[in-house]
């Protein structure tokens, strides 16, 4: 549980800040021009982050901790896609509704992970 909370304390706030900073009303031209080397570099960083999470936290248990493992595997997967097919990510995706749904979902996941990471742990036999 302590390892899960430590990783969630990093991943949760990172997801929130990263997604909020990428929203169209804050950075409307952020993704207008993407170049292949930067897409590749972001893939390398996603792959490293995902691999680090999976190496330290590959737990498939029932509960919020599994979200961390899933994020790690998604980081590996999307990192590899961006590394091997960077040209695919340099074209604009026109489905703004889908992007908004993904962004809202990631912010909510970040909020849940942050809450779980920074909420006090209950000790055995202790009741509120």
N, C-alpha and C. Protein backbone atom coordinates (compact mmCIF):
# COMPACT_ATOMS: atom_id res chain seq x y z
N UNK A 1 0.83 -1.20 0.00
CA UNK A 1 0.00 0.00 0.00
C UNK A 1 0.87 1.25 0.00
N UNK A 2 1.96 1.25 0.77
CA UNK A 2 2.82 2.44 0.84
C UNK A 2 3.46 2.74 -0.51
N UNK A 3 3.86 1.71 -1.24
CA UNK A 3 4.45 1.92 -2.56
C UNK A 3 3.40 2.50 -3.51
N UNK A 4 2.17 2.01 -3.42
CA UNK A 4 1.09 2.53 -4.25
C UNK A 4 0.86 4.01 -3.97
N UNK A 5 0.85 4.37 -2.70
CA UNK A 5 0.64 5.77 -2.33
C UNK A 5 1.79 6.66 -2.81
N UNK A 6 3.01 6.15 -2.74
CA UNK A 6 4.16 6.93 -3.20
C UNK A 6 4.09 7.21 -4.69
N UNK A 7 3.75 6.20 -5.46
CA UNK A 7 3.65 6.38 -6.91
C UNK A 7 2.45 7.25 -7.26
N UNK A 8 1.33 7.04 -6.57
CA UNK A 8 0.13 7.85 -6.82
C UNK A 8 0.38 9.32 -6.49
N UNK A 9 1.25 9.59 -5.50
CA UNK A 9 1.57 10.96 -5.12
C UNK A 9 2.33 11.69 -6.22
N UNK A 10 2.96 10.95 -7.12
CA UNK A 10 3.66 11.55 -8.26
C UNK A 10 2.76 11.54 -9.49
N UNK A 11 2.15 10.41 -9.78
CA UNK A 11 1.35 10.26 -11.00
C UNK A 11 0.08 11.12 -10.96
N UNK A 12 -0.60 11.16 -9.83
CA UNK A 12 -1.86 11.91 -9.72
C UNK A 12 -1.70 13.39 -10.05
N UNK A 13 -0.86 14.12 -9.29
CA UNK A 13 -0.68 15.54 -9.60
C UNK A 13 -0.10 15.79 -10.99
N UNK A 14 0.78 14.90 -11.46
CA UNK A 14 1.35 15.05 -12.80
C UNK A 14 0.26 14.98 -13.86
N UNK A 15 -0.65 14.01 -13.73
CA UNK A 15 -1.76 13.91 -14.69
C UNK A 15 -2.61 15.18 -14.68
N UNK A 16 -2.94 15.66 -13.50
CA UNK A 16 -3.79 16.85 -13.40
C UNK A 16 -3.12 18.05 -14.08
N UNK A 17 -1.89 18.34 -13.71
CA UNK A 17 -1.21 19.52 -14.24
C UNK A 17 -0.94 19.37 -15.74
N UNK A 18 -0.50 18.19 -16.15
CA UNK A 18 -0.19 17.97 -17.56
C UNK A 18 -1.43 18.17 -18.44
N UNK A 19 -2.53 17.56 -18.06
CA UNK A 19 -3.74 17.66 -18.88
C UNK A 19 -4.30 19.08 -18.85
N UNK A 20 -4.33 19.70 -17.67
CA UNK A 20 -4.84 21.07 -17.59
C UNK A 20 -4.01 22.02 -18.47
N UNK A 21 -2.69 21.83 -18.49
CA UNK A 21 -1.84 22.72 -19.29
C UNK A 21 -2.00 22.49 -20.78
N UNK A 22 -2.51 21.33 -21.18
CA UNK A 22 -2.69 21.02 -22.60
C UNK A 22 -4.07 21.39 -23.13
N UNK A 23 -4.99 21.81 -22.27
CA UNK A 23 -6.34 22.13 -22.73
C UNK A 23 -6.33 23.25 -23.75
N UNK A 24 -7.24 23.18 -24.70
CA UNK A 24 -7.28 24.13 -25.81
C UNK A 24 -7.46 25.57 -25.37
N UNK A 25 -8.21 25.82 -24.31
CA UNK A 25 -8.41 27.22 -23.94
C UNK A 25 -7.20 27.83 -23.24
N UNK A 26 -6.24 27.01 -22.76
CA UNK A 26 -5.01 27.56 -22.21
C UNK A 26 -3.91 27.62 -23.26
N UNK A 27 -3.78 26.58 -24.04
CA UNK A 27 -2.76 26.50 -25.08
C UNK A 27 -3.40 26.08 -26.40
N UNK A 28 -4.12 26.99 -27.06
CA UNK A 28 -4.88 26.60 -28.25
C UNK A 28 -4.01 26.16 -29.43
N UNK A 29 -2.76 26.57 -29.50
CA UNK A 29 -1.93 26.21 -30.65
C UNK A 29 -0.85 25.18 -30.28
N UNK A 30 -0.97 24.57 -29.12
CA UNK A 30 0.07 23.66 -28.64
C UNK A 30 0.36 22.53 -29.62
N UNK A 31 -0.66 21.95 -30.18
CA UNK A 31 -0.47 20.80 -31.07
C UNK A 31 -0.71 21.12 -32.54
N UNK A 32 -0.68 22.39 -32.90
CA UNK A 32 -0.89 22.74 -34.31
C UNK A 32 0.23 22.23 -35.20
N UNK A 33 1.45 22.33 -34.74
CA UNK A 33 2.59 21.81 -35.51
C UNK A 33 3.38 20.88 -34.61
N UNK A 34 3.51 19.64 -35.04
CA UNK A 34 4.30 18.67 -34.31
C UNK A 34 5.36 18.13 -35.26
N UNK A 35 6.57 18.02 -34.77
CA UNK A 35 7.63 17.48 -35.61
C UNK A 35 8.00 16.09 -35.12
N UNK A 36 8.39 15.26 -36.06
CA UNK A 36 8.63 13.85 -35.78
C UNK A 36 9.65 13.63 -34.65
N UNK A 37 10.78 14.33 -34.60
CA UNK A 37 11.73 14.07 -33.51
C UNK A 37 11.16 14.35 -32.12
N UNK A 38 10.31 15.35 -31.98
CA UNK A 38 9.73 15.63 -30.67
C UNK A 38 8.67 14.60 -30.29
N UNK A 39 7.93 14.11 -31.28
CA UNK A 39 6.97 13.04 -31.01
C UNK A 39 7.72 11.79 -30.56
N UNK A 40 8.83 11.50 -31.24
CA UNK A 40 9.66 10.36 -30.86
C UNK A 40 10.20 10.53 -29.43
N UNK A 41 10.71 11.71 -29.11
CA UNK A 41 11.25 11.98 -27.78
C UNK A 41 10.18 11.82 -26.70
N UNK A 42 8.98 12.33 -26.97
CA UNK A 42 7.90 12.16 -25.99
C UNK A 42 7.56 10.68 -25.83
N UNK A 43 7.67 9.91 -26.90
CA UNK A 43 7.46 8.46 -26.81
C UNK A 43 8.49 7.78 -25.93
N UNK A 44 9.74 8.20 -26.07
CA UNK A 44 10.81 7.65 -25.23
C UNK A 44 10.53 7.96 -23.76
N UNK A 45 10.14 9.20 -23.47
CA UNK A 45 9.85 9.58 -22.09
C UNK A 45 8.65 8.82 -21.53
N UNK A 46 7.60 8.64 -22.36
CA UNK A 46 6.43 7.88 -21.92
C UNK A 46 6.82 6.43 -21.65
N UNK A 47 7.63 5.86 -22.53
CA UNK A 47 8.07 4.47 -22.37
C UNK A 47 8.87 4.30 -21.08
N UNK A 48 9.81 5.21 -20.82
CA UNK A 48 10.62 5.13 -19.60
C UNK A 48 9.75 5.27 -18.35
N UNK A 49 8.84 6.24 -18.36
CA UNK A 49 7.95 6.43 -17.21
C UNK A 49 7.08 5.20 -16.99
N UNK A 50 6.50 4.68 -18.06
CA UNK A 50 5.65 3.50 -17.95
C UNK A 50 6.43 2.28 -17.46
N UNK A 51 7.62 2.08 -18.01
CA UNK A 51 8.44 0.94 -17.60
C UNK A 51 8.85 1.06 -16.14
N UNK A 52 9.17 2.26 -15.69
CA UNK A 52 9.52 2.49 -14.29
C UNK A 52 8.36 2.14 -13.37
N UNK A 53 7.17 2.58 -13.73
CA UNK A 53 5.99 2.28 -12.92
C UNK A 53 5.74 0.78 -12.88
N UNK A 54 5.80 0.11 -14.02
CA UNK A 54 5.52 -1.33 -14.07
C UNK A 54 6.58 -2.12 -13.31
N UNK A 55 7.86 -1.70 -13.41
CA UNK A 55 8.91 -2.41 -12.69
C UNK A 55 8.75 -2.28 -11.17
N UNK A 56 8.26 -1.16 -10.72
CA UNK A 56 8.11 -0.93 -9.28
C UNK A 56 6.72 -1.29 -8.76
N UNK A 57 5.74 -1.37 -9.66
CA UNK A 57 4.36 -1.54 -9.20
C UNK A 57 3.54 -2.30 -10.23
N UNK A 58 3.78 -3.58 -10.38
CA UNK A 58 3.01 -4.40 -11.31
C UNK A 58 2.03 -5.26 -10.50
N UNK A 59 1.10 -4.57 -9.82
CA UNK A 59 0.16 -5.24 -8.93
C UNK A 59 -1.22 -5.28 -9.57
N UNK A 60 -1.74 -6.48 -9.72
CA UNK A 60 -3.09 -6.66 -10.26
C UNK A 60 -3.99 -7.13 -9.12
N UNK A 61 -4.36 -6.19 -8.26
CA UNK A 61 -5.23 -6.47 -7.14
C UNK A 61 -6.52 -5.70 -7.32
N UNK A 62 -7.55 -6.10 -6.63
CA UNK A 62 -8.82 -5.39 -6.72
C UNK A 62 -8.73 -4.11 -5.91
N UNK A 63 -8.84 -2.96 -6.56
CA UNK A 63 -8.79 -1.69 -5.86
C UNK A 63 -8.15 -0.62 -6.71
N UNK A 64 -7.99 0.54 -6.12
CA UNK A 64 -7.47 1.69 -6.85
C UNK A 64 -6.01 1.51 -7.27
N UNK A 65 -5.29 0.63 -6.60
CA UNK A 65 -3.88 0.41 -6.91
C UNK A 65 -3.67 -0.12 -8.33
N UNK A 66 -4.64 -0.84 -8.85
CA UNK A 66 -4.54 -1.37 -10.21
C UNK A 66 -4.49 -0.24 -11.23
N UNK A 67 -5.09 0.90 -10.92
CA UNK A 67 -5.04 2.05 -11.83
C UNK A 67 -3.60 2.45 -12.11
N UNK A 68 -2.75 2.40 -11.11
CA UNK A 68 -1.35 2.75 -11.28
C UNK A 68 -0.68 1.78 -12.25
N UNK A 69 -0.94 0.50 -12.09
CA UNK A 69 -0.36 -0.50 -12.99
C UNK A 69 -0.86 -0.30 -14.42
N UNK A 70 -2.14 -0.03 -14.58
CA UNK A 70 -2.70 0.20 -15.91
C UNK A 70 -2.06 1.43 -16.55
N UNK A 71 -1.87 2.49 -15.78
CA UNK A 71 -1.20 3.69 -16.31
C UNK A 71 0.22 3.35 -16.76
N UNK A 72 0.91 2.53 -16.01
CA UNK A 72 2.26 2.11 -16.40
C UNK A 72 2.26 1.36 -17.73
N UNK A 73 1.35 0.41 -17.88
CA UNK A 73 1.28 -0.36 -19.13
C UNK A 73 0.83 0.51 -20.30
N UNK A 74 -0.07 1.46 -20.05
CA UNK A 74 -0.47 2.39 -21.11
C UNK A 74 0.71 3.28 -21.51
N UNK A 75 1.51 3.70 -20.54
CA UNK A 75 2.70 4.49 -20.85
C UNK A 75 3.67 3.72 -21.73
N UNK A 76 3.87 2.44 -21.41
CA UNK A 76 4.73 1.60 -22.25
C UNK A 76 4.15 1.48 -23.66
N UNK A 77 2.86 1.19 -23.74
CA UNK A 77 2.21 0.97 -25.04
C UNK A 77 2.23 2.22 -25.91
N UNK A 78 1.77 3.34 -25.35
CA UNK A 78 1.72 4.57 -26.14
C UNK A 78 3.13 5.10 -26.43
N UNK A 79 4.06 4.87 -25.51
CA UNK A 79 5.44 5.26 -25.76
C UNK A 79 6.01 4.50 -26.96
N UNK A 80 5.77 3.19 -27.00
CA UNK A 80 6.24 2.40 -28.13
C UNK A 80 5.58 2.83 -29.44
N UNK A 81 4.28 3.10 -29.40
CA UNK A 81 3.60 3.58 -30.61
C UNK A 81 4.21 4.88 -31.10
N UNK A 82 4.47 5.80 -30.20
CA UNK A 82 5.04 7.10 -30.59
C UNK A 82 6.48 6.94 -31.07
N UNK A 83 7.20 5.96 -30.56
CA UNK A 83 8.58 5.73 -31.00
C UNK A 83 8.63 5.08 -32.38
N UNK A 84 7.77 4.08 -32.62
CA UNK A 84 7.82 3.35 -33.88
C UNK A 84 6.99 3.99 -35.00
N UNK A 85 5.98 4.78 -34.64
CA UNK A 85 5.12 5.42 -35.63
C UNK A 85 4.92 6.91 -35.33
N UNK A 86 6.00 7.69 -35.23
CA UNK A 86 5.85 9.10 -34.86
C UNK A 86 5.09 9.91 -35.91
N UNK A 87 5.15 9.49 -37.17
CA UNK A 87 4.44 10.22 -38.23
C UNK A 87 2.93 10.19 -38.01
N UNK A 88 2.44 9.11 -37.42
CA UNK A 88 1.01 8.97 -37.16
C UNK A 88 0.52 10.07 -36.21
N UNK A 89 1.39 10.53 -35.33
CA UNK A 89 0.99 11.51 -34.32
C UNK A 89 1.21 12.95 -34.76
N UNK A 90 1.77 13.15 -35.95
CA UNK A 90 1.99 14.52 -36.41
C UNK A 90 0.79 15.05 -37.19
N UNK A 91 -0.19 14.22 -37.44
CA UNK A 91 -1.41 14.68 -38.11
C UNK A 91 -2.42 15.08 -37.04
N UNK A 92 -3.25 16.03 -37.36
CA UNK A 92 -4.25 16.52 -36.41
C UNK A 92 -5.42 15.55 -36.32
N UNK A 93 -5.82 15.24 -35.11
CA UNK A 93 -7.03 14.48 -34.89
C UNK A 93 -8.17 15.48 -34.76
N UNK A 94 -9.22 15.30 -35.50
CA UNK A 94 -10.29 16.29 -35.57
C UNK A 94 -11.44 16.03 -34.62
N UNK A 95 -11.40 14.96 -33.86
CA UNK A 95 -12.52 14.63 -32.98
C UNK A 95 -12.32 15.31 -31.62
N UNK A 96 -12.77 16.55 -31.52
CA UNK A 96 -12.60 17.31 -30.28
C UNK A 96 -13.42 16.74 -29.13
N UNK A 97 -14.58 16.15 -29.42
CA UNK A 97 -15.41 15.56 -28.36
C UNK A 97 -14.70 14.38 -27.70
N UNK A 98 -14.08 13.53 -28.50
CA UNK A 98 -13.34 12.39 -27.96
C UNK A 98 -12.16 12.88 -27.12
N UNK A 99 -11.45 13.89 -27.62
CA UNK A 99 -10.31 14.44 -26.89
C UNK A 99 -10.77 15.01 -25.54
N UNK A 100 -11.89 15.68 -25.53
CA UNK A 100 -12.40 16.26 -24.28
C UNK A 100 -12.77 15.17 -23.28
N UNK A 101 -13.38 14.09 -23.75
CA UNK A 101 -13.73 12.97 -22.88
C UNK A 101 -12.47 12.35 -22.27
N UNK A 102 -11.44 12.17 -23.09
CA UNK A 102 -10.17 11.61 -22.60
C UNK A 102 -9.54 12.55 -21.58
N UNK A 103 -9.54 13.85 -21.88
CA UNK A 103 -8.94 14.82 -20.96
C UNK A 103 -9.67 14.85 -19.62
N UNK A 104 -10.99 14.87 -19.64
CA UNK A 104 -11.77 14.87 -18.40
C UNK A 104 -11.51 13.58 -17.61
N UNK A 105 -11.45 12.45 -18.31
CA UNK A 105 -11.17 11.17 -17.65
C UNK A 105 -9.81 11.17 -16.98
N UNK A 106 -8.80 11.70 -17.67
CA UNK A 106 -7.45 11.73 -17.10
C UNK A 106 -7.37 12.66 -15.89
N UNK A 107 -8.08 13.79 -15.95
CA UNK A 107 -8.10 14.70 -14.80
C UNK A 107 -8.77 14.02 -13.61
N UNK A 108 -9.88 13.31 -13.84
CA UNK A 108 -10.56 12.61 -12.75
C UNK A 108 -9.69 11.51 -12.16
N UNK A 109 -8.99 10.77 -13.01
CA UNK A 109 -8.07 9.73 -12.52
C UNK A 109 -6.97 10.38 -11.69
N UNK A 110 -6.45 11.50 -12.16
CA UNK A 110 -5.42 12.22 -11.41
C UNK A 110 -5.92 12.69 -10.06
N UNK A 111 -7.16 13.17 -10.00
CA UNK A 111 -7.75 13.62 -8.74
C UNK A 111 -7.90 12.45 -7.77
N UNK A 112 -8.40 11.31 -8.27
CA UNK A 112 -8.58 10.14 -7.41
C UNK A 112 -7.23 9.66 -6.88
N UNK A 113 -6.23 9.56 -7.75
CA UNK A 113 -4.91 9.10 -7.31
C UNK A 113 -4.30 10.07 -6.29
N UNK A 114 -4.45 11.36 -6.54
CA UNK A 114 -3.92 12.36 -5.60
C UNK A 114 -4.62 12.24 -4.25
N UNK A 115 -5.93 12.09 -4.27
CA UNK A 115 -6.69 11.93 -3.02
C UNK A 115 -6.23 10.68 -2.27
N UNK A 116 -6.11 9.56 -2.99
CA UNK A 116 -5.68 8.31 -2.35
C UNK A 116 -4.26 8.44 -1.80
N UNK A 117 -3.40 9.14 -2.51
CA UNK A 117 -2.00 9.26 -2.09
C UNK A 117 -1.84 10.09 -0.83
N UNK A 118 -2.63 11.15 -0.72
CA UNK A 118 -2.44 12.08 0.39
C UNK A 118 -3.45 11.92 1.52
N UNK A 119 -4.37 10.97 1.40
CA UNK A 119 -5.29 10.73 2.50
C UNK A 119 -4.60 9.84 3.54
N UNK A 120 -4.90 10.06 4.81
CA UNK A 120 -4.24 9.26 5.85
C UNK A 120 -4.65 7.79 5.78
N UNK A 121 -3.71 6.91 6.10
CA UNK A 121 -4.00 5.48 6.11
C UNK A 121 -4.66 5.11 7.43
N UNK A 122 -5.62 4.20 7.37
CA UNK A 122 -6.23 3.67 8.59
C UNK A 122 -5.37 2.52 9.08
N UNK A 123 -5.16 2.48 10.37
CA UNK A 123 -4.43 1.36 10.96
C UNK A 123 -5.39 0.26 11.30
N UNK A 124 -4.90 -0.94 11.35
CA UNK A 124 -5.74 -2.09 11.69
C UNK A 124 -6.36 -1.90 13.07
N UNK A 125 -7.65 -2.16 13.15
CA UNK A 125 -8.33 -2.07 14.43
C UNK A 125 -8.73 -0.66 14.80
N UNK A 126 -8.38 0.31 13.95
CA UNK A 126 -8.70 1.70 14.25
C UNK A 126 -9.95 2.10 13.48
N UNK A 127 -10.89 2.71 14.18
CA UNK A 127 -12.12 3.17 13.55
C UNK A 127 -12.23 4.66 13.66
N UNK A 128 -12.95 5.26 12.74
CA UNK A 128 -13.17 6.71 12.79
C UNK A 128 -14.36 7.05 13.60
